[in-house]
C-alpha atoms as a PDB file:
ATOM      1  CA  UNK A   1       0.009   0.009  -0.003  1.00  0.00           C
ATOM      2  CA  UNK A   2       1.507   3.257  -1.092  1.00  0.00           C
ATOM      3  CA  UNK A   3       1.746   6.198   1.203  1.00  0.00           C
ATOM      4  CA  UNK A   4       0.088   9.495   0.146  1.00  0.00           C
ATOM      5  CA  UNK A   5       1.795  12.681   1.016  1.00  0.00           C
ATOM      6  CA  UNK A   6      -0.514  15.583   1.859  1.00  0.00           C
ATOM      7  CA  UNK A   7       0.759  19.165   1.587  1.00  0.00           C
ATOM      8  CA  UNK A   8       1.192  21.033   4.780  1.00  0.00           C
ATOM      9  CA  UNK A   9      -1.376  23.745   5.650  1.00  0.00           C
ATOM     10  CA  UNK A  10       1.461  26.177   6.265  1.00  0.00           C
ATOM     11  CA  UNK A  11       3.253  27.427   3.186  1.00  0.00           C
ATOM     12  CA  UNK A  12       6.970  27.849   3.315  1.00  0.00           C
ATOM     13  CA  UNK A  13       8.096  31.390   3.850  1.00  0.00           C
ATOM     14  CA  UNK A  14      11.264  31.099   1.704  1.00  0.00           C
ATOM     15  CA  UNK A  15      12.684  33.992   3.693  1.00  0.00           C
ATOM     16  CA  UNK A  16       9.841  36.432   2.817  1.00  0.00           C
ATOM     17  CA  UNK A  17       7.311  38.131   5.103  1.00  0.00           C
ATOM     18  CA  UNK A  18       4.212  36.050   5.814  1.00  0.00           C
ATOM     19  CA  UNK A  19       1.234  36.651   3.505  1.00  0.00           C
ATOM     20  CA  UNK A  20      -2.171  37.841   4.723  1.00  0.00           C
ATOM     21  CA  UNK A  21      -4.901  35.365   5.334  1.00  0.00           C
ATOM     22  CA  UNK A  22      -7.643  34.720   2.833  1.00  0.00           C
ATOM     23  CA  UNK A  23     -10.273  36.131   5.238  1.00  0.00           C
ATOM     24  CA  UNK A  24      -8.457  39.479   5.370  1.00  0.00           C
ATOM     25  CA  UNK A  25      -7.824  39.640   1.606  1.00  0.00           C
ATOM     26  CA  UNK A  26     -11.349  38.723   0.632  1.00  0.00           C
ATOM     27  CA  UNK A  27     -13.943  40.391   2.847  1.00  0.00           C
ATOM     28  CA  UNK A  28     -17.156  38.615   3.650  1.00  0.00           C
ATOM     29  CA  UNK A  29     -19.984  38.940   1.170  1.00  0.00           C
ATOM     30  CA  UNK A  30     -22.550  40.375   1.540  1.00  0.00           C
ATOM     31  CA  UNK A  31     -21.176  43.374   3.458  1.00  0.00           C
ATOM     32  CA  UNK A  32     -22.172  43.815   7.060  1.00  0.00           C
ATOM     33  CA  UNK A  33     -24.227  46.774   8.371  1.00  0.00           C
ATOM     34  CA  UNK A  34     -21.212  48.360   9.951  1.00  0.00           C
ATOM     35  CA  UNK A  35     -19.324  48.268   6.592  1.00  0.00           C
ATOM     36  CA  UNK A  36     -22.250  49.823   4.712  1.00  0.00           C
ATOM     37  CA  UNK A  37     -22.725  52.602   7.293  1.00  0.00           C
ATOM     38  CA  UNK A  38     -19.032  53.423   7.225  1.00  0.00           C
ATOM     39  CA  UNK A  39     -18.981  53.675   3.409  1.00  0.00           C
ATOM     40  CA  UNK A  40     -22.048  55.994   3.097  1.00  0.00           C
ATOM     41  CA  UNK A  41     -21.386  58.267   6.035  1.00  0.00           C
ATOM     42  CA  UNK A  42     -20.128  61.727   4.865  1.00  0.00           C
ATOM     43  CA  UNK A  43     -17.049  63.237   6.285  1.00  0.00           C
ATOM     44  CA  UNK A  44     -17.668  65.784   9.079  1.00  0.00           C
ATOM     45  CA  UNK A  45     -16.758  69.340   8.125  1.00  0.00           C
ATOM     46  CA  UNK A  46     -17.092  72.107  10.690  1.00  0.00           C
ATOM     47  CA  UNK A  47     -19.349  74.992   9.580  1.00  0.00           C
ATOM     48  CA  UNK A  48     -18.143  78.545   9.480  1.00  0.00           C
ATOM     49  CA  UNK A  49     -19.806  81.363  11.483  1.00  0.00           C
ATOM     50  CA  UNK A  50     -20.398  83.801   8.608  1.00  0.00           C
ATOM     51  CA  UNK A  51     -24.169  84.019   9.180  1.00  0.00           C
ATOM     52  CA  UNK A  52     -23.714  85.057  12.792  1.00  0.00           C
ATOM     53  CA  UNK A  53     -21.195  87.677  11.776  1.00  0.00           C
ATOM     54  CA  UNK A  54     -23.545  89.168   9.169  1.00  0.00           C
ATOM     55  CA  UNK A  55     -26.435  89.172  11.613  1.00  0.00           C
ATOM     56  CA  UNK A  56     -24.406  90.992  14.223  1.00  0.00           C
ATOM     57  CA  UNK A  57     -23.344  93.611  11.609  1.00  0.00           C
ATOM     58  CA  UNK A  58     -26.993  94.201  10.631  1.00  0.00           C
ATOM     59  CA  UNK A  59     -28.012  94.607  14.254  1.00  0.00           C
ATOM     60  CA  UNK A  60     -25.228  97.114  14.828  1.00  0.00           C
ATOM     61  CA  UNK A  61     -26.226  99.158  11.747  1.00  0.00           C
ATOM     62  CA  UNK A  62     -29.889  99.237  12.845  1.00  0.00           C
ATOM     63  CA  UNK A  63     -28.869 100.331  16.331  1.00  0.00           C
ATOM     64  CA  UNK A  64     -26.634 103.160  15.163  1.00  0.00           C
ATOM     65  CA  UNK A  65     -29.261 104.321  12.616  1.00  0.00           C
ATOM     66  CA  UNK A  66     -31.889 104.501  15.367  1.00  0.00           C
ATOM     67  CA  UNK A  67     -29.528 106.462  17.606  1.00  0.00           C
ATOM     68  CA  UNK A  68     -28.769 108.949  14.834  1.00  0.00           C
ATOM     69  CA  UNK A  69     -32.481 109.467  14.069  1.00  0.00           C
ATOM     70  CA  UNK A  70     -33.254 110.012  17.737  1.00  0.00           C
ATOM     71  CA  UNK A  71     -30.424 112.531  18.047  1.00  0.00           C
ATOM     72  CA  UNK A  72     -31.679 114.473  14.999  1.00  0.00           C
ATOM     73  CA  UNK A  73     -35.211 114.537  16.402  1.00  0.00           C
ATOM     74  CA  UNK A  74     -33.874 115.814  19.690  1.00  0.00           C
ATOM     75  CA  UNK A  75     -31.886 118.550  17.962  1.00  0.00           C
ATOM     76  CA  UNK A  76     -34.900 119.666  15.952  1.00  0.00           C
ATOM     77  CA  UNK A  77     -37.032 119.772  19.087  1.00  0.00           C
ATOM     78  CA  UNK A  78     -34.407 121.850  20.891  1.00  0.00           C
ATOM     79  CA  UNK A  79     -34.132 124.293  17.948  1.00  0.00           C
ATOM     80  CA  UNK A  80     -37.943 124.578  17.818  1.00  0.00           C
ATOM     81  CA  UNK A  81     -38.085 125.294  21.542  1.00  0.00           C
ATOM     82  CA  UNK A  82     -35.418 127.998  21.217  1.00  0.00           C
ATOM     83  CA  UNK A  83     -37.274 129.652  18.331  1.00  0.00           C
ATOM     84  CA  UNK A  84     -40.528 129.561  20.245  1.00  0.00           C
ATOM     85  CA  UNK A  85     -38.968 131.182  23.282  1.00  0.00           C
ATOM     86  CA  UNK A  86     -37.281 133.878  21.188  1.00  0.00           C
ATOM     87  CA  UNK A  87     -40.121 134.763  18.815  1.00  0.00           C
ATOM     88  CA  UNK A  88     -43.319 133.528  20.512  1.00  0.00           C
ATOM     89  CA  UNK A  89     -45.108 132.807  17.189  1.00  0.00           C
ATOM     90  CA  UNK A  90     -48.887 133.138  16.961  1.00  0.00           C
ATOM     91  CA  UNK A  91     -51.140 132.122  14.113  1.00  0.00           C
ATOM     92  CA  UNK A  92     -52.637 134.824  11.852  1.00  0.00           C
ATOM     93  CA  UNK A  93     -56.331 135.544  12.120  1.00  0.00           C
ATOM     94  CA  UNK A  94     -58.898 136.190   9.386  1.00  0.00           C
ATOM     95  CA  UNK A  95     -62.285 137.908   9.588  1.00  0.00           C
ATOM     96  CA  UNK A  96     -64.972 138.412   6.947  1.00  0.00           C
ATOM     97  CA  UNK A  97     -65.501 142.165   6.984  1.00  0.00           C
ATOM     98  CA  UNK A  98     -68.276 142.318   4.415  1.00  0.00           C
ATOM     99  CA  UNK A  99     -69.960 140.360   1.657  1.00  0.00           C
ATOM    100  CA  UNK A 100     -71.862 142.437  -0.899  1.00  0.00           C
ATOM    101  CA  UNK A 101     -74.160 140.473  -3.187  1.00  0.00           C
ATOM    102  CA  UNK A 102     -74.852 142.211  -6.499  1.00  0.00           C
ATOM    103  CA  UNK A 103     -76.080 139.118  -8.392  1.00  0.00           C
ATOM    104  CA  UNK A 104     -76.976 135.634  -7.153  1.00  0.00           C
ATOM    105  CA  UNK A 105     -79.582 133.541  -8.931  1.00  0.00           C
ATOM    106  CA  UNK A 106     -80.210 130.262 -10.677  1.00  0.00           C
ATOM    107  CA  UNK A 107     -81.374 130.290 -14.315  1.00  0.00           C
ATOM    108  CA  UNK A 108     -84.004 128.021 -15.806  1.00  0.00           C
ATOM    109  CA  UNK A 109     -81.152 125.935 -17.235  1.00  0.00           C
ATOM    110  CA  UNK A 110     -79.871 125.330 -13.672  1.00  0.00           C
ATOM    111  CA  UNK A 111     -76.864 127.580 -14.085  1.00  0.00           C
ATOM    112  CA  UNK A 112     -75.549 129.866 -11.308  1.00  0.00           C
ATOM    113  CA  UNK A 113     -74.914 133.525 -12.032  1.00  0.00           C
ATOM    114  CA  UNK A 114     -72.865 135.216  -9.276  1.00  0.00           C
ATOM    115  CA  UNK A 115     -71.374 138.668  -8.777  1.00  0.00           C
ATOM    116  CA  UNK A 116     -70.213 139.163  -5.150  1.00  0.00           C
ATOM    117  CA  UNK A 117     -67.661 141.506  -3.592  1.00  0.00           C
ATOM    118  CA  UNK A 118     -65.772 140.132  -0.591  1.00  0.00           C
ATOM    119  CA  UNK A 119     -63.689 141.927   2.016  1.00  0.00           C
ATOM    120  CA  UNK A 120     -61.511 139.882   4.404  1.00  0.00           C
ATOM    121  CA  UNK A 121     -59.355 141.337   7.197  1.00  0.00           C
ATOM    122  CA  UNK A 122     -56.131 139.519   7.996  1.00  0.00           C
ATOM    123  CA  UNK A 123     -54.204 140.248  11.195  1.00  0.00           C
ATOM    124  CA  UNK A 124     -50.644 139.311  12.169  1.00  0.00           C
ATOM    125  CA  UNK A 125     -50.348 139.524  15.952  1.00  0.00           C
ATOM    126  CA  UNK A 126     -46.585 138.693  16.041  1.00  0.00           C
ATOM    127  CA  UNK A 127     -43.967 141.274  16.983  1.00  0.00           C
ATOM    128  CA  UNK A 128     -40.986 139.566  15.308  1.00  0.00           C
ATOM    129  CA  UNK A 129     -42.630 137.341  12.725  1.00  0.00           C
ATOM    130  CA  UNK A 130     -43.531 138.212   9.132  1.00  0.00           C
ATOM    131  CA  UNK A 131     -45.796 136.094   6.916  1.00  0.00           C
ATOM    132  CA  UNK A 132     -45.248 135.889   3.158  1.00  0.00           C
ATOM    133  CA  UNK A 133     -48.316 134.638   1.234  1.00  0.00           C
ATOM    134  CA  UNK A 134     -48.554 133.169  -2.243  1.00  0.00           C
ATOM    135  CA  UNK A 135     -51.583 134.060  -4.419  1.00  0.00           C
ATOM    136  CA  UNK A 136     -54.848 133.006  -2.743  1.00  0.00           C
ATOM    137  CA  UNK A 137     -57.728 131.159  -4.422  1.00  0.00           C
ATOM    138  CA  UNK A 138     -61.255 131.769  -3.067  1.00  0.00           C
ATOM    139  CA  UNK A 139     -64.186 129.379  -3.221  1.00  0.00           C
ATOM    140  CA  UNK A 140     -67.725 130.351  -2.202  1.00  0.00           C
ATOM    141  CA  UNK A 141     -69.990 127.368  -1.452  1.00  0.00           C
ATOM    142  CA  UNK A 142     -73.184 126.650   0.435  1.00  0.00           C
ATOM    143  CA  UNK A 143     -73.423 124.434   3.509  1.00  0.00           C
ATOM    144  CA  UNK A 144     -74.582 121.687   1.123  1.00  0.00           C
ATOM    145  CA  UNK A 145     -71.261 121.980  -0.776  1.00  0.00           C
ATOM    146  CA  UNK A 146     -72.880 123.654  -3.813  1.00  0.00           C
ATOM    147  CA  UNK A 147     -70.324 125.764  -5.719  1.00  0.00           C
ATOM    148  CA  UNK A 148     -71.514 129.378  -5.982  1.00  0.00           C
ATOM    149  CA  UNK A 149     -68.474 131.140  -7.415  1.00  0.00           C
ATOM    150  CA  UNK A 150     -64.688 131.597  -7.335  1.00  0.00           C
ATOM    151  CA  UNK A 151     -62.183 134.398  -6.997  1.00  0.00           C
ATOM    152  CA  UNK A 152     -58.554 135.130  -6.260  1.00  0.00           C
ATOM    153  CA  UNK A 153     -56.204 137.409  -4.338  1.00  0.00           C
ATOM    154  CA  UNK A 154     -52.629 138.375  -5.163  1.00  0.00           C
ATOM    155  CA  UNK A 155     -49.589 137.493  -3.079  1.00  0.00           C
ATOM    156  CA  UNK A 156     -48.662 139.854  -0.267  1.00  0.00           C
ATOM    157  CA  UNK A 157     -46.294 140.276   2.663  1.00  0.00           C
ATOM    158  CA  UNK A 158     -47.983 140.397   6.068  1.00  0.00           C
ATOM    159  CA  UNK A 159     -45.770 142.505   8.294  1.00  0.00           C
ATOM    160  CA  UNK A 160     -45.441 142.132  12.031  1.00  0.00           C
ATOM    161  CA  UNK A 161     -48.279 143.669  14.057  1.00  0.00           C
ATOM    162  CA  UNK A 162     -50.043 144.476  10.825  1.00  0.00           C
ATOM    163  CA  UNK A 163     -53.688 144.411   9.738  1.00  0.00           C
ATOM    164  CA  UNK A 164     -54.376 144.004   6.024  1.00  0.00           C
ATOM    165  CA  UNK A 165     -57.706 144.380   4.216  1.00  0.00           C
ATOM    166  CA  UNK A 166     -58.104 141.933   1.348  1.00  0.00           C
ATOM    167  CA  UNK A 167     -60.649 142.661  -1.407  1.00  0.00           C
ATOM    168  CA  UNK A 168     -61.802 140.165  -4.040  1.00  0.00           C
ATOM    169  CA  UNK A 169     -64.577 139.718  -6.594  1.00  0.00           C
ATOM    170  CA  UNK A 170     -66.347 136.367  -6.697  1.00  0.00           C
ATOM    171  CA  UNK A 171     -68.048 135.419  -9.941  1.00  0.00           C
ATOM    172  CA  UNK A 172     -69.371 132.303 -11.708  1.00  0.00           C
ATOM    173  CA  UNK A 173     -67.763 132.950 -15.084  1.00  0.00           C
ATOM    174  CA  UNK A 174     -67.610 129.228 -15.791  1.00  0.00           C
ATOM    175  CA  UNK A 175     -71.431 129.097 -15.664  1.00  0.00           C
ATOM    176  CA  UNK A 176     -71.436 125.749 -13.938  1.00  0.00           C
ATOM    177  CA  UNK A 177     -74.584 123.794 -14.562  1.00  0.00           C
ATOM    178  CA  UNK A 178     -76.106 122.202 -11.461  1.00  0.00           C
ATOM    179  CA  UNK A 179     -78.069 118.994 -11.213  1.00  0.00           C
ATOM    180  CA  UNK A 180     -81.786 119.173 -10.437  1.00  0.00           C
ATOM    181  CA  UNK A 181     -81.362 118.415  -6.735  1.00  0.00           C
ATOM    182  CA  UNK A 182     -78.668 121.064  -6.206  1.00  0.00           C
ATOM    183  CA  UNK A 183     -80.547 123.652  -8.214  1.00  0.00           C
ATOM    184  CA  UNK A 184     -83.687 123.040  -6.163  1.00  0.00           C
ATOM    185  CA  UNK A 185     -81.802 123.419  -2.858  1.00  0.00           C
ATOM    186  CA  UNK A 186     -80.178 126.650  -4.045  1.00  0.00           C
ATOM    187  CA  UNK A 187     -83.499 128.179  -5.188  1.00  0.00           C
ATOM    188  CA  UNK A 188     -85.099 127.276  -1.879  1.00  0.00           C
ATOM    189  CA  UNK A 189     -82.239 128.809   0.098  1.00  0.00           C
ATOM    190  CA  UNK A 190     -82.374 132.031  -1.854  1.00  0.00           C
ATOM    191  CA  UNK A 191     -86.128 132.371  -1.146  1.00  0.00           C
ATOM    192  CA  UNK A 192     -85.646 131.757   2.586  1.00  0.00           C
ATOM    193  CA  UNK A 193     -86.208 134.742   4.869  1.00  0.00           C
ATOM    194  CA  UNK A 194     -83.320 133.593   7.064  1.00  0.00           C
ATOM    195  CA  UNK A 195     -80.897 133.800   4.144  1.00  0.00           C
ATOM    196  CA  UNK A 196     -78.743 131.293   2.327  1.00  0.00           C
ATOM    197  CA  UNK A 197     -75.940 129.832   4.568  1.00  0.00           C
ATOM    198  CA  UNK A 198     -72.549 130.220   2.842  1.00  0.00           C
ATOM    199  CA  UNK A 199     -68.957 129.181   3.485  1.00  0.00           C
ATOM    200  CA  UNK A 200     -65.782 130.782   2.170  1.00  0.00           C
ATOM    201  CA  UNK A 201     -62.540 128.843   1.564  1.00  0.00           C
ATOM    202  CA  UNK A 202     -59.178 130.538   1.090  1.00  0.00           C
ATOM    203  CA  UNK A 203     -56.349 128.295  -0.114  1.00  0.00           C
ATOM    204  CA  UNK A 204     -52.731 129.406  -0.359  1.00  0.00           C
ATOM    205  CA  UNK A 205     -49.158 128.730   0.755  1.00  0.00           C
ATOM    206  CA  UNK A 206     -47.278 130.790   3.303  1.00  0.00           C
ATOM    207  CA  UNK A 207     -43.818 130.972   4.796  1.00  0.00           C
ATOM    208  CA  UNK A 208     -42.679 132.766   7.927  1.00  0.00           C
ATOM    209  CA  UNK A 209     -39.694 135.093   8.186  1.00  0.00           C
ATOM    210  CA  UNK A 210     -37.910 135.505  11.511  1.00  0.00           C
ATOM    211  CA  UNK A 211     -35.040 137.933  11.082  1.00  0.00           C
ATOM    212  CA  UNK A 212     -32.760 136.364   8.467  1.00  0.00           C
ATOM    213  CA  UNK A 213     -34.373 132.921   8.872  1.00  0.00           C
ATOM    214  CA  UNK A 214     -37.159 131.800   6.538  1.00  0.00           C
ATOM    215  CA  UNK A 215     -39.236 128.652   6.941  1.00  0.00           C
ATOM    216  CA  UNK A 216     -40.329 126.416   4.021  1.00  0.00           C
ATOM    217  CA  UNK A 217     -43.691 127.129   2.416  1.00  0.00           C
ATOM    218  CA  UNK A 218     -46.648 125.462   4.064  1.00  0.00           C
ATOM    219  CA  UNK A 219     -50.119 125.083   2.607  1.00  0.00           C
ATOM    220  CA  UNK A 220     -52.945 126.631   4.606  1.00  0.00           C
ATOM    221  CA  UNK A 221     -56.715 126.734   4.220  1.00  0.00           C
ATOM    222  CA  UNK A 222     -58.934 129.349   5.844  1.00  0.00           C
ATOM    223  CA  UNK A 223     -62.595 128.310   6.230  1.00  0.00           C
ATOM    224  CA  UNK A 224     -65.112 130.999   7.206  1.00  0.00           C
ATOM    225  CA  UNK A 225     -68.610 129.843   8.219  1.00  0.00           C
ATOM    226  CA  UNK A 226     -71.715 131.499   9.648  1.00  0.00           C
ATOM    227  CA  UNK A 227     -72.445 133.755   6.627  1.00  0.00           C
ATOM    228  CA  UNK A 228     -76.006 134.232   5.459  1.00  0.00           C
ATOM    229  CA  UNK A 229     -76.810 135.940   2.155  1.00  0.00           C
ATOM    230  CA  UNK A 230     -80.009 136.919   0.405  1.00  0.00           C
ATOM    231  CA  UNK A 231     -80.582 137.434  -3.311  1.00  0.00           C
ATOM    232  CA  UNK A 232     -80.867 141.078  -4.395  1.00  0.00           C
ATOM    233  CA  UNK A 233     -84.216 142.357  -5.615  1.00  0.00           C
ATOM    234  CA  UNK A 234     -83.942 144.622  -8.589  1.00  0.00           C
ATOM    235  CA  UNK A 235     -80.725 146.521  -9.105  1.00  0.00           C
ATOM    236  CA  UNK A 236     -79.963 147.137  -5.471  1.00  0.00           C
ATOM    237  CA  UNK A 237     -77.258 144.962  -3.954  1.00  0.00           C
ATOM    238  CA  UNK A 238     -77.699 143.252  -0.601  1.00  0.00           C
ATOM    239  CA  UNK A 239     -75.237 142.933   2.270  1.00  0.00           C
ATOM    240  CA  UNK A 240     -74.832 139.480   3.701  1.00  0.00           C
ATOM    241  CA  UNK A 241     -74.923 138.923   7.447  1.00  0.00           C
ATOM    242  CA  UNK A 242     -71.385 138.298   8.742  1.00  0.00           C
ATOM    243  CA  UNK A 243     -71.824 139.089  12.430  1.00  0.00           C
ATOM    244  CA  UNK A 244     -71.712 135.412  13.370  1.00  0.00           C
ATOM    245  CA  UNK A 245     -68.991 134.477  10.879  1.00  0.00           C
ATOM    246  CA  UNK A 246     -65.928 132.669  12.264  1.00  0.00           C
ATOM    247  CA  UNK A 247     -62.771 131.728  10.399  1.00  0.00           C
ATOM    248  CA  UNK A 248     -60.518 128.724  11.124  1.00  0.00           C
ATOM    249  CA  UNK A 249     -56.948 128.269   9.830  1.00  0.00           C
ATOM    250  CA  UNK A 250     -55.760 124.777   8.937  1.00  0.00           C
ATOM    251  CA  UNK A 251     -52.186 123.794   8.071  1.00  0.00           C
ATOM    252  CA  UNK A 252     -52.306 121.483   5.098  1.00  0.00           C
ATOM    253  CA  UNK A 253     -49.101 119.453   5.103  1.00  0.00           C
ATOM    254  CA  UNK A 254     -48.313 116.613   2.674  1.00  0.00           C
ATOM    255  CA  UNK A 255     -48.008 113.995   5.392  1.00  0.00           C
ATOM    256  CA  UNK A 256     -50.420 115.170   8.042  1.00  0.00           C
ATOM    257  CA  UNK A 257     -52.886 117.936   8.757  1.00  0.00           C
ATOM    258  CA  UNK A 258     -52.503 120.112  11.837  1.00  0.00           C
ATOM    259  CA  UNK A 259     -55.368 122.377  12.865  1.00  0.00           C
ATOM    260  CA  UNK A 260     -54.234 125.542  14.568  1.00  0.00           C
END
């Protein structure tokens, strides 16, 4: 019986470094969960802090802007207080001196024909303040907002402690045609024994002068109420009642409206 020689499980080294095992050279298949997780997991990269830096810069800018605005408001308030103490400004006053009605009627075609002479007295009570007025537009309307006529006044300088008499003619040159309801109300008011209630509106722009200092122009509207007029009979003109007339001055700014 012949003897069989089996090769040894250990390979001869022949002087070289030992080789790796088959298990290490050929990994197990399929891959384990730990191998899959390690292959798909992204590398960690620390994030920069740019967003926090930008946010802090924006907060700083907003804070400084707010501080600058508050400082400017404070300076303006201080300057206004100083001017008030030095000049003691007071609003001008307006009074309807007279309203002479030469013509005021409504035609059969519902058109208004008006010829009225208006006198308004303007007073400046300030000792050190001068008012400079632009041209003034005049509107004469009823209490029902029916347009009666229009007029105008030229620009003028209202000196300190000065009283100025303003004269204007109010006409209906445009011959505005009224609707039936407005024409009926106007006819009824003209026939009333108590007279037709009227309002006068004066619109202009004014600036104040205090020594060498001049303020920007500000829009104002003067509204005079409590006027009652009657239509003339024949060629004789009538004088409207202005004893109960009162005038109010409104500042008409672009952003807000301040009533003096």
